[in-house]
Amino acid sequence: MKELKIILWVTAITLAMTAGCQSKPDTEPKNITGGEIFTGELKGSEFSIGTGNEMRIILDNVEHWNRLDAEALKTNRADIVTIQRPDGTIMKSTIEGTARYFSTLDSLTWIVDSAIPLQVSDTNIVKVLLDTRGIYYMKNDSVRRNRLFEEFTFENEILVSIRQWTAGWPD
């Protein structure tokens, strides 16, 4: 009986020591970087997946656009947002200009097919890449359809610029 107690005691100590030596799972998310910016002021910067509020902001803005609510778009955006359109022209967008544009529409449907938030490493800049489709019903009874790939750039969770590329969209 004494030997059984010693064996149980040694087993318990061994198990406790073994458990204490086991590595603990890494619960901190790892900031894995990849990709690289090759030109411009951020040349040489890498990306990681953005984990801030930019995705929520984008999805909220999609809802505001679909409701033609320019006033709701004021949150989390600069007073002037630079937009590089698919044809390469640069446009300066204000809330007042957006409201004027909305007044030419009966309705619109803006659909996001996919979104990827990318944090520019060691900066406060996040670029959210969107694959989108939009149908715009104009008050003059015309209909415009857009299929765009868009890059929304945020600094400190404030939208500062948009860059757009277009793709065909069959009828």
Protein backbone atom coordinates (compact mmCIF):
# COMPACT_ATOMS: atom_id res chain seq x y z
CA MET A 1 0.00 0.00 0.00
CA LYS A 2 2.89 2.34 0.84
CA GLU A 3 4.48 1.57 -2.54
CA LEU A 4 1.20 2.39 -4.34
CA LYS A 5 1.04 5.78 -2.57
CA ILE A 6 4.64 6.53 -3.63
CA ILE A 7 3.89 5.53 -7.23
CA LEU A 8 0.75 7.70 -7.29
CA TRP A 9 2.67 10.60 -5.70
CA VAL A 10 5.55 10.36 -8.23
CA THR A 11 3.05 10.06 -11.10
CA ALA A 12 1.16 13.17 -9.94
CA ILE A 13 4.39 15.19 -9.62
CA THR A 14 5.59 14.00 -13.05
CA LEU A 15 2.27 14.95 -14.67
CA ALA A 16 2.28 18.36 -12.99
CA MET A 17 5.86 19.05 -14.12
CA THR A 18 5.13 17.88 -17.66
CA ALA A 19 2.01 20.04 -17.90
CA GLY A 20 3.96 23.05 -16.65
CA CYS A 21 6.57 22.59 -19.36
CA GLN A 22 4.08 22.44 -22.21
CA SER A 23 4.09 25.50 -24.45
CA LYS A 24 0.94 27.59 -24.23
CA PRO A 25 -1.00 28.25 -27.41
CA ASP A 26 -0.30 31.61 -29.00
CA THR A 27 -3.55 33.52 -28.57
CA GLU A 28 -2.19 36.79 -29.97
CA PRO A 29 -2.97 37.24 -33.65
CA LYS A 30 0.13 37.31 -35.78
CA ASN A 31 0.68 40.27 -38.04
CA ILE A 32 1.77 38.42 -41.16
CA THR A 33 2.91 40.74 -43.90
CA GLY A 34 3.24 40.21 -47.60
CA GLY A 35 2.93 41.98 -50.88
CA GLU A 36 4.73 45.23 -51.52
CA ILE A 37 4.11 48.72 -52.86
CA PHE A 38 6.56 49.36 -55.70
CA THR A 39 5.97 53.05 -56.48
CA GLY A 40 4.98 56.31 -54.84
CA GLU A 41 5.47 57.65 -51.35
CA LEU A 42 4.79 54.25 -49.73
CA LYS A 43 7.30 52.44 -51.97
CA GLY A 44 8.75 49.39 -50.21
CA SER A 45 5.87 49.10 -47.71
CA GLU A 46 4.29 45.71 -47.12
CA PHE A 47 0.68 44.85 -46.30
CA SER A 48 -1.10 42.83 -43.65
CA ILE A 49 -4.82 42.17 -43.32
CA GLY A 50 -6.44 45.24 -41.76
CA THR A 51 -8.32 44.64 -38.54
CA GLY A 52 -9.65 48.14 -37.84
CA ASN A 53 -13.11 49.59 -38.42
CA GLU A 54 -12.65 50.28 -42.12
CA MET A 55 -14.71 47.28 -43.24
CA ARG A 56 -17.63 48.39 -41.06
CA ILE A 57 -17.30 51.93 -42.43
CA ILE A 58 -17.34 50.71 -46.04
CA LEU A 59 -20.37 48.46 -45.49
CA ASP A 60 -22.22 51.27 -43.69
CA ASN A 61 -21.43 53.58 -46.62
CA VAL A 62 -22.81 51.05 -49.09
CA GLU A 63 -26.10 51.16 -47.16
CA HIS A 64 -26.04 54.99 -47.17
CA TRP A 65 -25.43 55.04 -50.95
CA ASN A 66 -28.26 52.60 -51.56
CA ARG A 67 -30.59 54.87 -49.53
CA LEU A 68 -29.25 57.98 -51.38
CA ASP A 69 -28.39 59.46 -47.97
CA ALA A 70 -25.53 61.90 -48.56
CA GLU A 71 -25.79 63.34 -45.05
CA ALA A 72 -25.03 59.93 -43.49
CA LEU A 73 -21.83 59.74 -45.57
CA LYS A 74 -20.26 62.61 -43.58
CA THR A 75 -19.03 60.23 -40.89
CA ASN A 76 -15.50 58.86 -41.31
CA ARG A 77 -14.62 60.78 -44.46
CA ALA A 78 -12.49 63.77 -45.26
CA ASP A 79 -14.24 66.98 -46.35
CA ILE A 80 -12.82 66.40 -49.83
CA VAL A 81 -12.25 62.85 -51.08
CA THR A 82 -10.07 62.46 -54.16
CA ILE A 83 -11.48 59.99 -56.68
CA GLN A 84 -9.46 58.64 -59.58
CA ARG A 85 -12.09 57.41 -62.00
CA PRO A 86 -11.67 54.48 -64.41
CA ASP A 87 -10.82 56.84 -67.28
CA GLY A 88 -7.96 58.32 -65.23
CA THR A 89 -9.63 61.65 -64.48
CA ILE A 90 -9.36 63.00 -60.95
CA MET A 91 -12.47 64.23 -59.20
CA LYS A 92 -12.75 66.01 -55.85
CA SER A 93 -15.83 64.74 -54.04
CA THR A 94 -17.68 66.66 -51.33
CA ILE A 95 -20.86 65.80 -49.46
CA GLU A 96 -22.63 68.65 -51.26
CA GLY A 97 -21.55 67.26 -54.65
CA THR A 98 -22.70 63.78 -53.65
CA ALA A 99 -26.10 65.18 -52.62
CA ARG A 100 -26.41 66.92 -56.02
CA TYR A 101 -25.55 63.64 -57.76
CA PHE A 102 -28.11 61.75 -55.68
CA SER A 103 -30.76 64.29 -56.76
CA THR A 104 -30.34 63.03 -60.36
CA LEU A 105 -31.22 59.46 -59.33
CA ASP A 106 -34.50 57.70 -58.67
CA SER A 107 -32.64 54.86 -56.96
CA LEU A 108 -29.53 52.75 -57.10
CA THR A 109 -28.33 49.34 -56.11
CA TRP A 110 -24.67 49.04 -55.12
CA ILE A 111 -23.56 45.47 -54.39
CA VAL A 112 -20.21 44.47 -52.91
CA ASP A 113 -19.14 41.06 -54.18
CA SER A 114 -15.94 40.96 -52.13
CA ALA A 115 -13.84 43.18 -49.88
CA ILE A 116 -10.28 42.91 -48.58
CA PRO A 117 -8.89 45.34 -45.99
CA LEU A 118 -5.11 45.79 -46.27
CA GLN A 119 -3.12 47.64 -43.60
CA VAL A 120 0.00 49.32 -44.96
CA SER A 121 2.64 48.05 -42.51
CA ASP A 122 3.96 50.55 -39.96
CA THR A 123 1.40 53.22 -40.98
CA ASN A 124 -2.11 54.33 -40.09
CA ILE A 125 -3.21 53.70 -43.70
CA VAL A 126 -5.70 50.98 -44.65
CA LYS A 127 -6.73 50.24 -48.23
CA VAL A 128 -9.99 48.37 -48.64
CA LEU A 129 -10.22 46.65 -52.03
CA LEU A 130 -13.77 46.12 -53.29
CA ASP A 131 -15.23 44.20 -56.22
CA THR A 132 -18.58 45.92 -56.84
CA ARG A 133 -21.57 46.11 -59.13
CA GLY A 134 -23.94 49.05 -59.35
CA ILE A 135 -27.17 49.80 -61.16
CA TYR A 136 -28.16 53.47 -61.27
CA TYR A 137 -31.74 54.40 -62.16
CA MET A 138 -31.64 58.01 -63.33
CA LYS A 139 -34.55 60.45 -63.14
CA ASN A 140 -34.32 60.87 -66.94
CA ASP A 141 -35.36 57.16 -67.22
CA SER A 142 -31.91 55.95 -68.27
CA VAL A 143 -30.16 53.13 -66.46
CA ARG A 144 -26.41 52.91 -65.94
CA ARG A 145 -24.64 49.72 -64.91
CA ASN A 146 -21.11 49.68 -63.45
CA ARG A 147 -18.82 46.84 -62.53
CA LEU A 148 -15.87 48.26 -60.65
CA PHE A 149 -12.80 47.24 -58.76
CA GLU A 150 -12.21 49.97 -56.18
CA GLU A 151 -9.51 50.90 -53.70
CA PHE A 152 -10.77 52.96 -50.74
CA THR A 153 -7.90 54.54 -48.80
CA PHE A 154 -8.34 55.42 -45.14
CA GLU A 155 -5.97 57.32 -42.86
CA ASN A 156 -6.82 57.00 -39.16
CA GLU A 157 -10.20 55.48 -40.18
CA ILE A 158 -11.04 58.54 -42.33
CA LEU A 159 -11.75 57.98 -46.04
CA VAL A 160 -9.37 60.19 -48.03
CA SER A 161 -9.33 58.74 -51.55
CA ILE A 162 -10.90 56.25 -53.94
CA ARG A 163 -9.36 54.72 -57.04
CA GLN A 164 -11.56 52.87 -59.55
CA TRP A 165 -11.08 50.42 -62.42
CA THR A 166 -13.92 49.21 -64.60
CA ALA A 167 -14.76 45.86 -66.08
CA GLY A 168 -17.42 44.79 -68.54
CA TRP A 169 -20.76 43.59 -67.28
CA PRO A 170 -22.98 41.73 -69.75
CA ASP A 171 -26.60 42.81 -70.04
